[in-house]
Amino acid sequence: MTEMQEGARAPKVEVDPKLLEILVCPATKTTLRYDRERQELISDKARLAFPIRDGIPIMLTDEARSLDDE
């Protein structure tokens, strides 16, 4: 297996819409917004973006990107 070049993005994989309906932010328990382009689930209340890797949402706050850094 080769490492991805820095700055390269993984190919976009669709997430099961039923899964998106039931997932909530682990920090605030509020609904999430799906950003298809960036492959992230956004928690507006927590100001966090949870990555989606290979179609699997990574719902760990330690893995989330802070929206306040933008």
PDB file of N, CA and C in Angstrom:
ATOM      1  N   MET A   1       0.830  -1.179   0.000  1.00  0.00           N
ATOM      2  CA  MET A   1       0.000   0.000   0.000  1.00  0.00           C
ATOM      3  C   MET A   1       0.875   1.244   0.000  1.00  0.00           C
ATOM      4  N   THR A   2       0.542   2.228  -0.793  1.00  0.00           N
ATOM      5  CA  THR A   2       1.326   3.460  -0.830  1.00  0.00           C
ATOM      6  C   THR A   2       0.614   4.555  -0.077  1.00  0.00           C
ATOM      7  N   GLU A   3       1.408   5.478   0.470  1.00  0.00           N
ATOM      8  CA  GLU A   3       0.812   6.610   1.179  1.00  0.00           C
ATOM      9  C   GLU A   3       0.332   7.635   0.158  1.00  0.00           C
ATOM     10  N   MET A   4      -0.727   8.338   0.517  1.00  0.00           N
ATOM     11  CA  MET A   4      -1.235   9.386  -0.370  1.00  0.00           C
ATOM     12  C   MET A   4      -0.303  10.578  -0.310  1.00  0.00           C
ATOM     13  N   GLN A   5      -0.150  11.265  -1.411  1.00  0.00           N
ATOM     14  CA  GLN A   5       0.660  12.466  -1.417  1.00  0.00           C
ATOM     15  C   GLN A   5      -0.005  13.521  -0.556  1.00  0.00           C
ATOM     16  N   GLU A   6       0.830  14.337   0.085  1.00  0.00           N
ATOM     17  CA  GLU A   6       0.281  15.389   0.930  1.00  0.00           C
ATOM     18  C   GLU A   6      -0.582  16.314   0.085  1.00  0.00           C
ATOM     19  N   GLY A   7      -1.759  16.636   0.600  1.00  0.00           N
ATOM     20  CA  GLY A   7      -2.684  17.510  -0.117  1.00  0.00           C
ATOM     21  C   GLY A   7      -3.625  16.757  -1.043  1.00  0.00           C
ATOM     22  N   ALA A   8      -3.328  15.493  -1.329  1.00  0.00           N
ATOM     23  CA  ALA A   8      -4.215  14.709  -2.192  1.00  0.00           C
ATOM     24  C   ALA A   8      -5.423  14.260  -1.382  1.00  0.00           C
ATOM     25  N   ARG A   9      -6.555  14.183  -2.048  1.00  0.00           N
ATOM     26  CA  ARG A   9      -7.786  13.761  -1.371  1.00  0.00           C
ATOM     27  C   ARG A   9      -8.168  12.370  -1.841  1.00  0.00           C
ATOM     28  N   ALA A  10      -8.759  11.629  -0.923  1.00  0.00           N
ATOM     29  CA  ALA A  10      -9.259  10.305  -1.271  1.00  0.00           C
ATOM     30  C   ALA A  10     -10.451  10.466  -2.209  1.00  0.00           C
ATOM     31  N   PRO A  11     -10.704   9.489  -3.067  1.00  0.00           N
ATOM     32  CA  PRO A  11     -11.878   9.589  -3.941  1.00  0.00           C
ATOM     33  C   PRO A  11     -13.153   9.650  -3.110  1.00  0.00           C
ATOM     34  N   LYS A  12     -14.117  10.387  -3.609  1.00  0.00           N
ATOM     35  CA  LYS A  12     -15.379  10.552  -2.886  1.00  0.00           C
ATOM     36  C   LYS A  12     -16.189   9.258  -2.955  1.00  0.00           C
ATOM     37  N   VAL A  13     -16.635   8.819  -1.795  1.00  0.00           N
ATOM     38  CA  VAL A  13     -17.465   7.629  -1.685  1.00  0.00           C
ATOM     39  C   VAL A  13     -18.772   8.069  -1.054  1.00  0.00           C
ATOM     40  N   GLU A  14     -19.879   7.665  -1.632  1.00  0.00           N
ATOM     41  CA  GLU A  14     -21.178   8.054  -1.092  1.00  0.00           C
ATOM     42  C   GLU A  14     -21.436   7.363   0.242  1.00  0.00           C
ATOM     43  N   VAL A  15     -22.044   8.111   1.140  1.00  0.00           N
ATOM     44  CA  VAL A  15     -22.419   7.590   2.455  1.00  0.00           C
ATOM     45  C   VAL A  15     -23.887   7.190   2.398  1.00  0.00           C
ATOM     46  N   ASP A  16     -24.224   6.103   3.031  1.00  0.00           N
ATOM     47  CA  ASP A  16     -25.600   5.606   3.068  1.00  0.00           C
ATOM     48  C   ASP A  16     -26.513   6.693   3.660  1.00  0.00           C
ATOM     49  N   PRO A  17     -27.508   7.157   2.920  1.00  0.00           N
ATOM     50  CA  PRO A  17     -28.409   8.200   3.419  1.00  0.00           C
ATOM     51  C   PRO A  17     -29.117   7.822   4.723  1.00  0.00           C
ATOM     52  N   LYS A  18     -29.422   6.547   4.907  1.00  0.00           N
ATOM     53  CA  LYS A  18     -30.068   6.114   6.153  1.00  0.00           C
ATOM     54  C   LYS A  18     -29.135   6.294   7.338  1.00  0.00           C
ATOM     55  N   LEU A  19     -27.847   6.071   7.127  1.00  0.00           N
ATOM     56  CA  LEU A  19     -26.863   6.279   8.178  1.00  0.00           C
ATOM     57  C   LEU A  19     -26.784   7.766   8.535  1.00  0.00           C
ATOM     58  N   LEU A  20     -26.818   8.618   7.538  1.00  0.00           N
ATOM     59  CA  LEU A  20     -26.764  10.062   7.782  1.00  0.00           C
ATOM     60  C   LEU A  20     -27.965  10.542   8.595  1.00  0.00           C
ATOM     61  N   GLU A  21     -29.101   9.904   8.406  1.00  0.00           N
ATOM     62  CA  GLU A  21     -30.306  10.293   9.142  1.00  0.00           C
ATOM     63  C   GLU A  21     -30.216   9.996  10.632  1.00  0.00           C
ATOM     64  N   ILE A  22     -29.479   8.956  11.002  1.00  0.00           N
ATOM     65  CA  ILE A  22     -29.458   8.560  12.421  1.00  0.00           C
ATOM     66  C   ILE A  22     -28.238   9.073  13.185  1.00  0.00           C
ATOM     67  N   LEU A  23     -27.201   9.493  12.474  1.00  0.00           N
ATOM     68  CA  LEU A  23     -26.004   9.978  13.166  1.00  0.00           C
ATOM     69  C   LEU A  23     -26.238  11.353  13.793  1.00  0.00           C
ATOM     70  N   VAL A  24     -25.671  11.547  14.967  1.00  0.00           N
ATOM     71  CA  VAL A  24     -25.697  12.854  15.636  1.00  0.00           C
ATOM     72  C   VAL A  24     -24.289  13.169  16.112  1.00  0.00           C
ATOM     73  N   CYS A  25     -24.059  14.420  16.426  1.00  0.00           N
ATOM     74  CA  CYS A  25     -22.771  14.854  16.939  1.00  0.00           C
ATOM     75  C   CYS A  25     -22.509  14.175  18.284  1.00  0.00           C
ATOM     76  N   PRO A  26     -21.347  13.555  18.458  1.00  0.00           N
ATOM     77  CA  PRO A  26     -21.057  12.906  19.734  1.00  0.00           C
ATOM     78  C   PRO A  26     -20.872  13.891  20.882  1.00  0.00           C
ATOM     79  N   ALA A  27     -20.566  15.127  20.590  1.00  0.00           N
ATOM     80  CA  ALA A  27     -20.355  16.132  21.634  1.00  0.00           C
ATOM     81  C   ALA A  27     -21.651  16.789  22.081  1.00  0.00           C
ATOM     82  N   THR A  28     -22.537  17.089  21.110  1.00  0.00           N
ATOM     83  CA  THR A  28     -23.738  17.868  21.431  1.00  0.00           C
ATOM     84  C   THR A  28     -25.042  17.099  21.238  1.00  0.00           C
ATOM     85  N   LYS A  29     -24.968  15.949  20.599  1.00  0.00           N
ATOM     86  CA  LYS A  29     -26.151  15.127  20.282  1.00  0.00           C
ATOM     87  C   LYS A  29     -27.129  15.840  19.348  1.00  0.00           C
ATOM     88  N   THR A  30     -26.621  16.797  18.571  1.00  0.00           N
ATOM     89  CA  THR A  30     -27.454  17.511  17.601  1.00  0.00           C
ATOM     90  C   THR A  30     -27.241  16.914  16.208  1.00  0.00           C
ATOM     91  N   THR A  31     -28.128  17.257  15.290  1.00  0.00           N
ATOM     92  CA  THR A  31     -28.033  16.737  13.924  1.00  0.00           C
ATOM     93  C   THR A  31     -26.794  17.284  13.231  1.00  0.00           C
ATOM     94  N   LEU A  32     -26.389  16.559  12.203  1.00  0.00           N
ATOM     95  CA  LEU A  32     -25.200  16.908  11.436  1.00  0.00           C
ATOM     96  C   LEU A  32     -25.582  17.293  10.023  1.00  0.00           C
ATOM     97  N   ARG A  33     -24.759  18.096   9.430  1.00  0.00           N
ATOM     98  CA  ARG A  33     -24.933  18.520   8.044  1.00  0.00           C
ATOM     99  C   ARG A  33     -23.856  17.825   7.213  1.00  0.00           C
ATOM    100  N   TYR A  34     -24.258  17.230   6.083  1.00  0.00           N
ATOM    101  CA  TYR A  34     -23.338  16.485   5.228  1.00  0.00           C
ATOM    102  C   TYR A  34     -22.726  17.416   4.194  1.00  0.00           C
ATOM    103  N   ASP A  35     -21.393  17.517   4.197  1.00  0.00           N
ATOM    104  CA  ASP A  35     -20.668  18.281   3.179  1.00  0.00           C
ATOM    105  C   ASP A  35     -20.063  17.258   2.217  1.00  0.00           C
ATOM    106  N   ARG A  36     -20.760  17.018   1.123  1.00  0.00           N
ATOM    107  CA  ARG A  36     -20.361  15.993   0.151  1.00  0.00           C
ATOM    108  C   ARG A  36     -19.016  16.345  -0.479  1.00  0.00           C
ATOM    109  N   GLU A  37     -18.799  17.598  -0.786  1.00  0.00           N
ATOM    110  CA  GLU A  37     -17.565  18.022  -1.454  1.00  0.00           C
ATOM    111  C   GLU A  37     -16.333  17.764  -0.593  1.00  0.00           C
ATOM    112  N   ARG A  38     -16.410  18.087   0.700  1.00  0.00           N
ATOM    113  CA  ARG A  38     -15.265  17.913   1.604  1.00  0.00           C
ATOM    114  C   ARG A  38     -15.263  16.559   2.310  1.00  0.00           C
ATOM    115  N   GLN A  39     -16.327  15.766   2.079  1.00  0.00           N
ATOM    116  CA  GLN A  39     -16.461  14.456   2.714  1.00  0.00           C
ATOM    117  C   GLN A  39     -16.343  14.585   4.237  1.00  0.00           C
ATOM    118  N   GLU A  40     -17.256  15.415   4.791  1.00  0.00           N
ATOM    119  CA  GLU A  40     -17.295  15.659   6.228  1.00  0.00           C
ATOM    120  C   GLU A  40     -18.740  15.748   6.701  1.00  0.00           C
ATOM    121  N   LEU A  41     -18.925  15.446   7.981  1.00  0.00           N
ATOM    122  CA  LEU A  41     -20.195  15.693   8.650  1.00  0.00           C
ATOM    123  C   LEU A  41     -19.955  16.877   9.579  1.00  0.00           C
ATOM    124  N   ILE A  42     -20.770  17.911   9.437  1.00  0.00           N
ATOM    125  CA  ILE A  42     -20.571  19.166  10.147  1.00  0.00           C
ATOM    126  C   ILE A  42     -21.536  19.274  11.318  1.00  0.00           C
ATOM    127  N   SER A  43     -20.973  19.591  12.479  1.00  0.00           N
ATOM    128  CA  SER A  43     -21.771  19.925  13.653  1.00  0.00           C
ATOM    129  C   SER A  43     -21.653  21.430  13.837  1.00  0.00           C
ATOM    130  N   ASP A  44     -22.703  22.141  13.444  1.00  0.00           N
ATOM    131  CA  ASP A  44     -22.675  23.602  13.564  1.00  0.00           C
ATOM    132  C   ASP A  44     -22.626  24.030  15.031  1.00  0.00           C
ATOM    133  N   LYS A  45     -23.315  23.306  15.886  1.00  0.00           N
ATOM    134  CA  LYS A  45     -23.351  23.676  17.300  1.00  0.00           C
ATOM    135  C   LYS A  45     -21.990  23.485  17.971  1.00  0.00           C
ATOM    136  N   ALA A  46     -21.310  22.378  17.685  1.00  0.00           N
ATOM    137  CA  ALA A  46     -20.000  22.108  18.284  1.00  0.00           C
ATOM    138  C   ALA A  46     -18.862  22.780  17.516  1.00  0.00           C
ATOM    139  N   ARG A  47     -19.168  23.264  16.288  1.00  0.00           N
ATOM    140  CA  ARG A  47     -18.157  23.876  15.425  1.00  0.00           C
ATOM    141  C   ARG A  47     -17.058  22.875  15.083  1.00  0.00           C
ATOM    142  N   LEU A  48     -17.509  21.635  14.753  1.00  0.00           N
ATOM    143  CA  LEU A  48     -16.590  20.559  14.395  1.00  0.00           C
ATOM    144  C   LEU A  48     -17.000  19.933  13.062  1.00  0.00           C
ATOM    145  N   ALA A  49     -16.008  19.446  12.339  1.00  0.00           N
ATOM    146  CA  ALA A  49     -16.244  18.727  11.086  1.00  0.00           C
ATOM    147  C   ALA A  49     -15.628  17.341  11.230  1.00  0.00           C
ATOM    148  N   PHE A  50     -16.476  16.318  11.162  1.00  0.00           N
ATOM    149  CA  PHE A  50     -16.028  14.938  11.313  1.00  0.00           C
ATOM    150  C   PHE A  50     -15.732  14.356   9.932  1.00  0.00           C
ATOM    151  N   PRO A  51     -14.543  13.781   9.745  1.00  0.00           N
ATOM    152  CA  PRO A  51     -14.178  13.260   8.422  1.00  0.00           C
ATOM    153  C   PRO A  51     -14.936  11.989   8.067  1.00  0.00           C
ATOM    154  N   ILE A  52     -15.078  11.782   6.770  1.00  0.00           N
ATOM    155  CA  ILE A  52     -15.640  10.541   6.242  1.00  0.00           C
ATOM    156  C   ILE A  52     -14.521   9.902   5.432  1.00  0.00           C
ATOM    157  N   ARG A  53     -14.121   8.701   5.829  1.00  0.00           N
ATOM    158  CA  ARG A  53     -13.028   7.998   5.145  1.00  0.00           C
ATOM    159  C   ARG A  53     -13.552   6.689   4.580  1.00  0.00           C
ATOM    160  N   ASP A  54     -13.389   6.524   3.288  1.00  0.00           N
ATOM    161  CA  ASP A  54     -13.863   5.314   2.604  1.00  0.00           C
ATOM    162  C   ASP A  54     -15.338   5.057   2.866  1.00  0.00           C
ATOM    163  N   GLY A  55     -16.121   6.147   2.950  1.00  0.00           N
ATOM    164  CA  GLY A  55     -17.560   6.026   3.155  1.00  0.00           C
ATOM    165  C   GLY A  55     -17.962   5.813   4.602  1.00  0.00           C
ATOM    166  N   ILE A  56     -16.993   5.841   5.523  1.00  0.00           N
ATOM    167  CA  ILE A  56     -17.274   5.597   6.939  1.00  0.00           C
ATOM    168  C   ILE A  56     -17.055   6.888   7.730  1.00  0.00           C
ATOM    169  N   PRO A  57     -18.111   7.419   8.366  1.00  0.00           N
ATOM    170  CA  PRO A  57     -17.948   8.610   9.196  1.00  0.00           C
ATOM    171  C   PRO A  57     -17.102   8.289  10.435  1.00  0.00           C
ATOM    172  N   ILE A  58     -16.118   9.103  10.693  1.00  0.00           N
ATOM    173  CA  ILE A  58     -15.251   8.943  11.866  1.00  0.00           C
ATOM    174  C   ILE A  58     -15.783   9.894  12.936  1.00  0.00           C
ATOM    175  N   MET A  59     -16.561   9.347  13.851  1.00  0.00           N
ATOM    176  CA  MET A  59     -17.289  10.157  14.822  1.00  0.00           C
ATOM    177  C   MET A  59     -16.539  10.297  16.147  1.00  0.00           C
ATOM    178  N   LEU A  60     -15.268  10.628  16.065  1.00  0.00           N
ATOM    179  CA  LEU A  60     -14.435  10.843  17.236  1.00  0.00           C
ATOM    180  C   LEU A  60     -14.046  12.311  17.302  1.00  0.00           C
ATOM    181  N   THR A  61     -14.267  12.941  18.437  1.00  0.00           N
ATOM    182  CA  THR A  61     -13.945  14.366  18.540  1.00  0.00           C
ATOM    183  C   THR A  61     -12.451  14.620  18.345  1.00  0.00           C
ATOM    184  N   ASP A  62     -11.605  13.648  18.707  1.00  0.00           N
ATOM    185  CA  ASP A  62     -10.173  13.802  18.509  1.00  0.00           C
ATOM    186  C   ASP A  62      -9.787  13.832  17.028  1.00  0.00           C
ATOM    187  N   GLU A  63     -10.629  13.258  16.187  1.00  0.00           N
ATOM    188  CA  GLU A  63     -10.367  13.218  14.742  1.00  0.00           C
ATOM    189  C   GLU A  63     -11.033  14.389  14.008  1.00  0.00           C
ATOM    190  N   ALA A  64     -11.910  15.099  14.687  1.00  0.00           N
ATOM    191  CA  ALA A  64     -12.666  16.182  14.046  1.00  0.00           C
ATOM    192  C   ALA A  64     -11.800  17.416  13.838  1.00  0.00           C
ATOM    193  N   ARG A  65     -12.156  18.157  12.797  1.00  0.00           N
ATOM    194  CA  ARG A  65     -11.486  19.420  12.480  1.00  0.00           C
ATOM    195  C   ARG A  65     -12.320  20.547  13.070  1.00  0.00           C
ATOM    196  N   SER A  66     -11.659  21.495  13.714  1.00  0.00           N
ATOM    197  CA  SER A  66     -12.371  22.633  14.280  1.00  0.00           C
ATOM    198  C   SER A  66     -12.756  23.620  13.187  1.00  0.00           C
ATOM    199  N   LEU A  67     -14.013  24.027  13.165  1.00  0.00           N
ATOM    200  CA  LEU A  67     -14.457  25.019  12.188  1.00  0.00           C
ATOM    201  C   LEU A  67     -13.972  26.414  12.565  1.00  0.00           C
ATOM    202  N   ASP A  68     -13.556  26.591  13.806  1.00  0.00           N
ATOM    203  CA  ASP A  68     -13.059  27.896  14.247  1.00  0.00           C
ATOM    204  C   ASP A  68     -11.695  28.212  13.654  1.00  0.00           C
ATOM    205  N   ASP A  69     -11.015  27.199  13.101  1.00  0.00           N
ATOM    206  CA  ASP A  69      -9.691  27.391  12.500  1.00  0.00           C
ATOM    207  C   ASP A  69      -9.773  27.934  11.076  1.00  0.00           C
ATOM    208  N   GLU A  70     -10.965  28.024  10.536  1.00  0.00           N
ATOM    209  CA  GLU A  70     -11.123  28.480   9.134  1.00  0.00           C
ATOM    210  C   GLU A  70     -10.976  29.974   9.014  1.00  0.00           C
TER     211      GLU A  70
END
